[in-house]
Amino acid sequence: MAGYFERAMDAIYRTQIATDCVVSGVSGSIRVIDKTDGIDAPAPRNGKLKVPTVAPAVVLRDKEVAAKGLTISQLVGRSLTFNGKTWWVHATEPRPRPDGVNESLIYIRSKR
């Protein structure tokens, strides 16, 4: 049986907070939370200096990706289309939820 937090997240992903997303090479869609206006993200190391930056991102649930037969790491290089725009997955980073379960945060870059 799903815990309280999982039931709450299911409810959030059914609302307008989340949107349908088409992943290249996958039939159907998954629900994501659009964070393309930017999030605080670590920048790649430049020598020994690590400076945070703002990067577009999308939040999705590992269980929805797994239901499509993929792992989170297999999203890198694929396109994600949602809210009328296409983005390419640049990197992934699991972020723990308050209940300790990892929910992936995907860094994306715009299609060129």
C-alpha atoms as a PDB file:
ATOM      1  CA  MET A   1       0.000   0.000   0.000  1.00  0.00           C
ATOM      2  CA  ALA A   2       1.278   3.449  -0.902  1.00  0.00           C
ATOM      3  CA  GLY A   3       2.243   5.726   1.949  1.00  0.00           C
ATOM      4  CA  TYR A   4       0.828   9.160   2.629  1.00  0.00           C
ATOM      5  CA  PHE A   5       3.543  11.005   0.696  1.00  0.00           C
ATOM      6  CA  GLU A   6       3.171   8.756  -2.359  1.00  0.00           C
ATOM      7  CA  ARG A   7      -0.607   9.319  -2.397  1.00  0.00           C
ATOM      8  CA  ALA A   8      -0.041  13.078  -2.093  1.00  0.00           C
ATOM      9  CA  MET A   9       2.420  13.030  -5.002  1.00  0.00           C
ATOM     10  CA  ASP A  10      -0.031  11.011  -7.129  1.00  0.00           C
ATOM     11  CA  ALA A  11      -2.637  13.712  -6.479  1.00  0.00           C
ATOM     12  CA  ILE A  12      -0.205  16.513  -7.403  1.00  0.00           C
ATOM     13  CA  TYR A  13       0.799  14.831 -10.664  1.00  0.00           C
ATOM     14  CA  ARG A  14      -2.899  14.560 -11.617  1.00  0.00           C
ATOM     15  CA  THR A  15      -3.395  18.347 -11.295  1.00  0.00           C
ATOM     16  CA  GLN A  16      -2.461  21.281 -13.517  1.00  0.00           C
ATOM     17  CA  ILE A  17       0.867  21.539 -11.673  1.00  0.00           C
ATOM     18  CA  ALA A  18       2.083  18.665 -13.857  1.00  0.00           C
ATOM     19  CA  THR A  19       1.779  18.336 -17.613  1.00  0.00           C
ATOM     20  CA  ASP A  20       1.923  15.544 -20.181  1.00  0.00           C
ATOM     21  CA  CYS A  21       5.358  14.944 -21.693  1.00  0.00           C
ATOM     22  CA  VAL A  22       6.273  12.888 -24.754  1.00  0.00           C
ATOM     23  CA  VAL A  23       9.673  11.173 -24.572  1.00  0.00           C
ATOM     24  CA  SER A  24      11.338  10.415 -27.915  1.00  0.00           C
ATOM     25  CA  GLY A  25      11.228   6.727 -28.796  1.00  0.00           C
ATOM     26  CA  VAL A  26       8.549   5.952 -26.201  1.00  0.00           C
ATOM     27  CA  SER A  27       4.842   5.445 -26.818  1.00  0.00           C
ATOM     28  CA  GLY A  28       2.394   7.402 -24.706  1.00  0.00           C
ATOM     29  CA  SER A  29       3.288  10.166 -22.291  1.00  0.00           C
ATOM     30  CA  ILE A  30       4.462  10.680 -18.728  1.00  0.00           C
ATOM     31  CA  ARG A  31       3.555  13.453 -16.285  1.00  0.00           C
ATOM     32  CA  VAL A  32       6.240  16.015 -15.427  1.00  0.00           C
ATOM     33  CA  ILE A  33       6.523  19.254 -13.494  1.00  0.00           C
ATOM     34  CA  ASP A  34       7.914  22.027 -15.697  1.00  0.00           C
ATOM     35  CA  LYS A  35      10.823  23.867 -14.095  1.00  0.00           C
ATOM     36  CA  THR A  36      12.207  25.298 -17.350  1.00  0.00           C
ATOM     37  CA  ASP A  37      12.152  28.794 -15.856  1.00  0.00           C
ATOM     38  CA  GLY A  38      15.243  27.578 -14.018  1.00  0.00           C
ATOM     39  CA  ILE A  39      16.408  26.035 -10.778  1.00  0.00           C
ATOM     40  CA  ASP A  40      19.575  26.462  -8.750  1.00  0.00           C
ATOM     41  CA  ALA A  41      21.931  23.848 -10.143  1.00  0.00           C
ATOM     42  CA  PRO A  42      25.587  23.006  -9.633  1.00  0.00           C
ATOM     43  CA  ALA A  43      27.797  24.071 -12.512  1.00  0.00           C
ATOM     44  CA  PRO A  44      30.499  21.781 -13.897  1.00  0.00           C
ATOM     45  CA  ARG A  45      33.792  22.055 -12.077  1.00  0.00           C
ATOM     46  CA  ASN A  46      36.177  24.559 -13.581  1.00  0.00           C
ATOM     47  CA  GLY A  47      39.475  23.643 -11.984  1.00  0.00           C
ATOM     48  CA  LYS A  48      38.654  23.579  -8.268  1.00  0.00           C
ATOM     49  CA  LEU A  49      35.956  26.242  -8.372  1.00  0.00           C
ATOM     50  CA  LYS A  50      32.345  25.060  -8.375  1.00  0.00           C
ATOM     51  CA  VAL A  51      29.872  27.869  -8.980  1.00  0.00           C
ATOM     52  CA  PRO A  52      26.094  27.289  -8.874  1.00  0.00           C
ATOM     53  CA  THR A  53      24.057  28.461 -11.841  1.00  0.00           C
ATOM     54  CA  VAL A  54      20.431  28.548 -12.960  1.00  0.00           C
ATOM     55  CA  ALA A  55      19.445  25.755 -15.323  1.00  0.00           C
ATOM     56  CA  PRO A  56      16.160  24.697 -16.919  1.00  0.00           C
ATOM     57  CA  ALA A  57      14.861  21.425 -15.511  1.00  0.00           C
ATOM     58  CA  VAL A  58      11.895  19.092 -15.308  1.00  0.00           C
ATOM     59  CA  VAL A  59      10.817  16.940 -12.366  1.00  0.00           C
ATOM     60  CA  LEU A  60       9.514  13.460 -13.049  1.00  0.00           C
ATOM     61  CA  ARG A  61       8.936  10.281 -11.145  1.00  0.00           C
ATOM     62  CA  ASP A  62      11.201   7.292 -11.613  1.00  0.00           C
ATOM     63  CA  LYS A  63       8.199   4.953 -11.477  1.00  0.00           C
ATOM     64  CA  GLU A  64       6.643   6.559 -14.581  1.00  0.00           C
ATOM     65  CA  VAL A  65       9.895   6.228 -16.519  1.00  0.00           C
ATOM     66  CA  ALA A  66      10.255   2.592 -15.381  1.00  0.00           C
ATOM     67  CA  ALA A  67       6.684   1.909 -16.524  1.00  0.00           C
ATOM     68  CA  LYS A  68       7.842   2.898 -20.033  1.00  0.00           C
ATOM     69  CA  GLY A  69      10.694   0.369 -19.855  1.00  0.00           C
ATOM     70  CA  LEU A  70      13.477   2.929 -19.313  1.00  0.00           C
ATOM     71  CA  THR A  71      15.864   3.909 -16.574  1.00  0.00           C
ATOM     72  CA  ILE A  72      16.512   7.543 -15.716  1.00  0.00           C
ATOM     73  CA  SER A  73      20.030   7.353 -17.188  1.00  0.00           C
ATOM     74  CA  GLN A  74      18.536   6.186 -20.521  1.00  0.00           C
ATOM     75  CA  LEU A  75      16.785   9.563 -20.856  1.00  0.00           C
ATOM     76  CA  VAL A  76      20.087  11.382 -21.493  1.00  0.00           C
ATOM     77  CA  GLY A  77      20.196  12.408 -25.153  1.00  0.00           C
ATOM     78  CA  ARG A  78      16.452  11.926 -25.678  1.00  0.00           C
ATOM     79  CA  SER A  79      14.019  14.717 -26.401  1.00  0.00           C
ATOM     80  CA  LEU A  80      11.165  15.706 -24.107  1.00  0.00           C
ATOM     81  CA  THR A  81       8.212  17.582 -25.580  1.00  0.00           C
ATOM     82  CA  PHE A  82       5.807  19.378 -23.250  1.00  0.00           C
ATOM     83  CA  ASN A  83       3.996  22.699 -23.107  1.00  0.00           C
ATOM     84  CA  GLY A  84       4.585  23.191 -26.838  1.00  0.00           C
ATOM     85  CA  LYS A  85       8.390  23.048 -26.690  1.00  0.00           C
ATOM     86  CA  THR A  86      10.996  20.364 -27.260  1.00  0.00           C
ATOM     87  CA  TRP A  87      13.957  20.003 -24.912  1.00  0.00           C
ATOM     88  CA  TRP A  88      16.928  17.602 -24.918  1.00  0.00           C
ATOM     89  CA  VAL A  89      17.949  15.798 -21.736  1.00  0.00           C
ATOM     90  CA  HIS A  90      21.451  16.916 -20.815  1.00  0.00           C
ATOM     91  CA  ALA A  91      21.905  15.256 -17.409  1.00  0.00           C
ATOM     92  CA  THR A  92      19.952  13.655 -14.577  1.00  0.00           C
ATOM     93  CA  GLU A  93      20.196  14.022 -10.830  1.00  0.00           C
ATOM     94  CA  PRO A  94      18.124  12.135  -8.267  1.00  0.00           C
ATOM     95  CA  ARG A  95      16.791  14.394  -5.530  1.00  0.00           C
ATOM     96  CA  PRO A  96      15.392  12.827  -2.355  1.00  0.00           C
ATOM     97  CA  ARG A  97      11.814  13.552  -1.372  1.00  0.00           C
ATOM     98  CA  PRO A  98      10.918  14.249   2.255  1.00  0.00           C
ATOM     99  CA  ASP A  99      10.151  10.539   2.719  1.00  0.00           C
ATOM    100  CA  GLY A 100      13.650   9.584   1.498  1.00  0.00           C
ATOM    101  CA  VAL A 101      12.660   8.185  -1.905  1.00  0.00           C
ATOM    102  CA  ASN A 102      14.628   9.533  -4.874  1.00  0.00           C
ATOM    103  CA  GLU A 103      12.558  11.457  -7.390  1.00  0.00           C
ATOM    104  CA  SER A 104      14.595  12.472 -10.386  1.00  0.00           C
ATOM    105  CA  LEU A 105      15.310  16.020 -11.386  1.00  0.00           C
ATOM    106  CA  ILE A 106      16.298  16.148 -15.037  1.00  0.00           C
ATOM    107  CA  TYR A 107      18.454  18.985 -16.317  1.00  0.00           C
ATOM    108  CA  ILE A 108      17.510  19.834 -19.864  1.00  0.00           C
ATOM    109  CA  ARG A 109      18.713  22.174 -22.578  1.00  0.00           C
ATOM    110  CA  SER A 110      16.748  23.764 -25.356  1.00  0.00           C
ATOM    111  CA  LYS A 111      16.677  22.302 -28.835  1.00  0.00           C
ATOM    112  CA  ARG A 112      19.128  24.041 -31.132  1.00  0.00           C
END
